Amino acid sequence: MARNRASSVLTLSLAGLCLSSLLPGNAQAANTSPNKGAQVYCFMRSNGNDHNVSWDASYALIKRQKSGMFKTSPEHAAVMITEAVVNDPGTYPDCGRYLGDLFGPRKSNASLPENRPLGGDSSQSSSSASSYGDQRYSY
């Protein structure tokens, strides 16, 4: 009887260890990746880099920091950066002015006639605006 009880305890302990190894290893790392992504994005933007370069660097960092089976979508990463900046604006001074670039023109807005420039060569400028909106989150 005592032997069965000891083997049951050992089996349950091993099962618990196996199941806990399937969970994310460090829950704190998952919480800090948006902060790190916001740090990278805001630092790069405040030092003169454009949106695309800053976004690529911060999104790559957020994707790499996430543990789990599914990667973070670009839209969710943009929201995570925004939340990190809004929750602690003192850590990211003057970064609020760059947050709008994370949610800039999209495909549906670029194709509307109201958003086309007046006069000049509209084909050149509207194609660059629509290609920017089309490719913004095409990761």
C-alpha atoms as a PDB file:
ATOM      1  CA  MET A   1       0.000   0.000   0.000  1.00  0.00           C
ATOM      2  CA  ALA A   2       2.780   2.413   0.945  1.00  0.00           C
ATOM      3  CA  ARG A   3       4.638   1.462  -2.195  1.00  0.00           C
ATOM      4  CA  ASN A   4       1.612   2.310  -4.375  1.00  0.00           C
ATOM      5  CA  ARG A   5       1.239   5.660  -2.620  1.00  0.00           C
ATOM      6  CA  ALA A   6       4.910   6.524  -3.165  1.00  0.00           C
ATOM      7  CA  SER A   7       4.749   5.591  -6.849  1.00  0.00           C
ATOM      8  CA  SER A   8       1.557   7.639  -7.251  1.00  0.00           C
ATOM      9  CA  VAL A   9       3.210  10.702  -5.737  1.00  0.00           C
ATOM     10  CA  LEU A  10       6.252  10.235  -7.946  1.00  0.00           C
ATOM     11  CA  THR A  11       4.105   9.810 -11.060  1.00  0.00           C
ATOM     12  CA  LEU A  12       2.049  12.921 -10.279  1.00  0.00           C
ATOM     13  CA  SER A  13       5.195  14.929  -9.615  1.00  0.00           C
ATOM     14  CA  LEU A  14       6.731  13.918 -12.915  1.00  0.00           C
ATOM     15  CA  ALA A  15       3.483  14.648 -14.745  1.00  0.00           C
ATOM     16  CA  GLY A  16       3.381  18.104 -13.174  1.00  0.00           C
ATOM     17  CA  LEU A  17       6.942  18.817 -14.249  1.00  0.00           C
ATOM     18  CA  CYS A  18       6.217  17.685 -17.785  1.00  0.00           C
ATOM     19  CA  LEU A  19       3.106  19.833 -18.019  1.00  0.00           C
ATOM     20  CA  SER A  20       4.842  22.880 -16.572  1.00  0.00           C
ATOM     21  CA  SER A  21       7.563  22.593 -19.223  1.00  0.00           C
ATOM     22  CA  LEU A  22       4.900  23.097 -21.890  1.00  0.00           C
ATOM     23  CA  LEU A  23       3.916  26.457 -20.433  1.00  0.00           C
ATOM     24  CA  PRO A  24       5.893  29.614 -21.265  1.00  0.00           C
ATOM     25  CA  GLY A  25       9.161  29.501 -19.377  1.00  0.00           C
ATOM     26  CA  ASN A  26       9.249  33.049 -18.155  1.00  0.00           C
ATOM     27  CA  ALA A  27       5.970  34.905 -17.823  1.00  0.00           C
ATOM     28  CA  GLN A  28       7.813  38.115 -17.082  1.00  0.00           C
ATOM     29  CA  ALA A  29       9.612  37.989 -20.449  1.00  0.00           C
ATOM     30  CA  ALA A  30       6.248  37.983 -22.201  1.00  0.00           C
ATOM     31  CA  ASN A  31       5.245  41.116 -20.297  1.00  0.00           C
ATOM     32  CA  THR A  32       8.477  42.979 -21.036  1.00  0.00           C
ATOM     33  CA  SER A  33       8.563  42.408 -24.803  1.00  0.00           C
ATOM     34  CA  PRO A  34       6.018  45.194 -25.508  1.00  0.00           C
ATOM     35  CA  ASN A  35       8.087  47.501 -23.334  1.00  0.00           C
ATOM     36  CA  LYS A  36      11.249  46.521 -25.175  1.00  0.00           C
ATOM     37  CA  GLY A  37       9.486  46.960 -28.504  1.00  0.00           C
ATOM     38  CA  ALA A  38       8.278  50.403 -27.446  1.00  0.00           C
ATOM     39  CA  GLN A  39      11.781  51.316 -26.249  1.00  0.00           C
ATOM     40  CA  VAL A  40      13.296  50.342 -29.581  1.00  0.00           C
ATOM     41  CA  TYR A  41      10.596  52.043 -31.647  1.00  0.00           C
ATOM     42  CA  CYS A  42      10.632  55.291 -29.667  1.00  0.00           C
ATOM     43  CA  PHE A  43      14.420  55.431 -29.384  1.00  0.00           C
ATOM     44  CA  MET A  44      14.903  54.941 -33.089  1.00  0.00           C
ATOM     45  CA  ARG A  45      12.210  57.450 -34.044  1.00  0.00           C
ATOM     46  CA  SER A  46      13.541  60.103 -31.663  1.00  0.00           C
ATOM     47  CA  ASN A  47      16.999  59.672 -33.206  1.00  0.00           C
ATOM     48  CA  GLY A  48      15.794  60.435 -36.713  1.00  0.00           C
ATOM     49  CA  ASN A  49      14.928  57.035 -38.173  1.00  0.00           C
ATOM     50  CA  ASP A  50      11.772  56.757 -40.237  1.00  0.00           C
ATOM     51  CA  HIS A  51       8.772  54.628 -39.357  1.00  0.00           C
ATOM     52  CA  ASN A  52       9.623  51.622 -41.508  1.00  0.00           C
ATOM     53  CA  VAL A  53      13.102  51.084 -40.093  1.00  0.00           C
ATOM     54  CA  SER A  54      11.947  51.629 -36.514  1.00  0.00           C
ATOM     55  CA  TRP A  55       8.909  49.396 -36.996  1.00  0.00           C
ATOM     56  CA  ASP A  56      10.929  46.561 -38.522  1.00  0.00           C
ATOM     57  CA  ALA A  57      13.361  46.583 -35.598  1.00  0.00           C
ATOM     58  CA  SER A  58      10.720  46.753 -32.872  1.00  0.00           C
ATOM     59  CA  TYR A  59       8.445  44.166 -34.485  1.00  0.00           C
ATOM     60  CA  ALA A  60      11.349  41.758 -34.925  1.00  0.00           C
ATOM     61  CA  LEU A  61      12.179  42.167 -31.238  1.00  0.00           C
ATOM     62  CA  ILE A  62       8.587  41.584 -30.146  1.00  0.00           C
ATOM     63  CA  LYS A  63       8.288  38.460 -32.310  1.00  0.00           C
ATOM     64  CA  ARG A  64      11.577  37.076 -31.006  1.00  0.00           C
ATOM     65  CA  GLN A  65      10.702  37.720 -27.344  1.00  0.00           C
ATOM     66  CA  LYS A  66       7.345  35.954 -27.525  1.00  0.00           C
ATOM     67  CA  SER A  67       7.373  32.387 -26.337  1.00  0.00           C
ATOM     68  CA  GLY A  68       4.707  30.105 -27.640  1.00  0.00           C
ATOM     69  CA  MET A  69       3.423  28.486 -30.748  1.00  0.00           C
ATOM     70  CA  PHE A  70       1.865  31.510 -32.444  1.00  0.00           C
ATOM     71  CA  LYS A  71       3.679  34.679 -33.458  1.00  0.00           C
ATOM     72  CA  THR A  72       2.397  38.127 -32.601  1.00  0.00           C
ATOM     73  CA  SER A  73       0.514  39.746 -35.462  1.00  0.00           C
ATOM     74  CA  PRO A  74       1.756  43.143 -36.664  1.00  0.00           C
ATOM     75  CA  GLU A  75      -1.524  44.782 -35.651  1.00  0.00           C
ATOM     76  CA  HIS A  76      -1.264  43.370 -32.138  1.00  0.00           C
ATOM     77  CA  ALA A  77       2.377  44.436 -31.877  1.00  0.00           C
ATOM     78  CA  ALA A  78       1.380  47.995 -32.814  1.00  0.00           C
ATOM     79  CA  VAL A  79      -1.266  47.949 -30.093  1.00  0.00           C
ATOM     80  CA  MET A  80       1.249  46.544 -27.593  1.00  0.00           C
ATOM     81  CA  ILE A  81       3.704  49.366 -28.359  1.00  0.00           C
ATOM     82  CA  THR A  82       0.931  51.940 -28.032  1.00  0.00           C
ATOM     83  CA  GLU A  83      -0.213  50.508 -24.698  1.00  0.00           C
ATOM     84  CA  ALA A  84       3.342  50.509 -23.340  1.00  0.00           C
ATOM     85  CA  VAL A  85       3.812  54.179 -24.260  1.00  0.00           C
ATOM     86  CA  VAL A  86       0.396  55.254 -22.970  1.00  0.00           C
ATOM     87  CA  ASN A  87       0.770  53.333 -19.694  1.00  0.00           C
ATOM     88  CA  ASP A  88       4.149  54.913 -18.932  1.00  0.00           C
ATOM     89  CA  PRO A  89       4.571  58.139 -20.931  1.00  0.00           C
ATOM     90  CA  GLY A  90       7.425  59.358 -18.718  1.00  0.00           C
ATOM     91  CA  THR A  91       9.601  56.487 -19.880  1.00  0.00           C
ATOM     92  CA  TYR A  92       8.992  57.372 -23.542  1.00  0.00           C
ATOM     93  CA  PRO A  93       9.106  61.181 -23.718  1.00  0.00           C
ATOM     94  CA  ASP A  94       7.821  62.699 -26.960  1.00  0.00           C
ATOM     95  CA  CYS A  95       7.012  59.259 -28.361  1.00  0.00           C
ATOM     96  CA  GLY A  96       3.295  59.961 -28.480  1.00  0.00           C
ATOM     97  CA  ARG A  97       3.733  61.949 -31.679  1.00  0.00           C
ATOM     98  CA  TYR A  98       5.065  58.850 -33.448  1.00  0.00           C
ATOM     99  CA  LEU A  99       2.275  56.484 -32.401  1.00  0.00           C
ATOM    100  CA  GLY A 100      -0.001  57.639 -35.199  1.00  0.00           C
ATOM    101  CA  ASP A 101       2.448  56.209 -37.724  1.00  0.00           C
ATOM    102  CA  LEU A 102       1.729  52.745 -36.332  1.00  0.00           C
ATOM    103  CA  PHE A 103      -1.886  53.141 -37.427  1.00  0.00           C
ATOM    104  CA  GLY A 104      -1.388  55.187 -40.605  1.00  0.00           C
ATOM    105  CA  PRO A 105      -3.212  54.867 -43.917  1.00  0.00           C
ATOM    106  CA  ARG A 106      -4.524  51.457 -44.813  1.00  0.00           C
ATOM    107  CA  LYS A 107      -5.485  49.850 -48.096  1.00  0.00           C
ATOM    108  CA  SER A 108      -9.159  50.768 -47.784  1.00  0.00           C
ATOM    109  CA  ASN A 109      -8.404  54.450 -47.112  1.00  0.00           C
ATOM    110  CA  ALA A 110      -5.839  54.802 -49.900  1.00  0.00           C
ATOM    111  CA  SER A 111      -8.304  53.732 -52.575  1.00  0.00           C
ATOM    112  CA  LEU A 112     -10.970  56.299 -51.672  1.00  0.00           C
ATOM    113  CA  PRO A 113     -11.209  59.237 -54.093  1.00  0.00           C
ATOM    114  CA  GLU A 114     -11.209  61.749 -51.204  1.00  0.00           C
ATOM    115  CA  ASN A 115      -7.660  60.753 -50.274  1.00  0.00           C
ATOM    116  CA  ARG A 116      -6.182  61.357 -53.708  1.00  0.00           C
ATOM    117  CA  PRO A 117      -4.086  64.499 -54.124  1.00  0.00           C
ATOM    118  CA  LEU A 118      -5.483  67.362 -56.175  1.00  0.00           C
ATOM    119  CA  GLY A 119      -3.670  68.346 -59.365  1.00  0.00           C
ATOM    120  CA  GLY A 120      -0.216  67.307 -60.502  1.00  0.00           C
ATOM    121  CA  ASP A 121       0.706  63.754 -61.361  1.00  0.00           C
ATOM    122  CA  SER A 122      -1.744  61.873 -59.190  1.00  0.00           C
ATOM    123  CA  SER A 123      -0.731  58.431 -60.436  1.00  0.00           C
ATOM    124  CA  GLN A 124       2.751  58.665 -58.977  1.00  0.00           C
ATOM    125  CA  SER A 125       1.865  59.984 -55.532  1.00  0.00           C
ATOM    126  CA  SER A 126      -1.267  57.874 -55.091  1.00  0.00           C
ATOM    127  CA  SER A 127       0.577  54.685 -56.029  1.00  0.00           C
ATOM    128  CA  SER A 128       3.264  55.347 -53.449  1.00  0.00           C
ATOM    129  CA  ALA A 129       0.636  56.065 -50.792  1.00  0.00           C
ATOM    130  CA  SER A 130      -1.368  52.970 -51.619  1.00  0.00           C
ATOM    131  CA  SER A 131       1.697  50.740 -51.762  1.00  0.00           C
ATOM    132  CA  TYR A 132       2.737  52.044 -48.353  1.00  0.00           C
ATOM    133  CA  GLY A 133      -0.719  51.252 -46.943  1.00  0.00           C
ATOM    134  CA  ASP A 134      -0.826  47.849 -48.640  1.00  0.00           C
ATOM    135  CA  GLN A 135       2.549  46.743 -47.314  1.00  0.00           C
ATOM    136  CA  ARG A 136       2.425  48.240 -43.842  1.00  0.00           C
ATOM    137  CA  TYR A 137       1.565  45.004 -42.058  1.00  0.00           C
ATOM    138  CA  SER A 138       2.427  42.410 -44.691  1.00  0.00           C
ATOM    139  CA  TYR A 139       4.700  40.288 -42.525  1.00  0.00           C
END
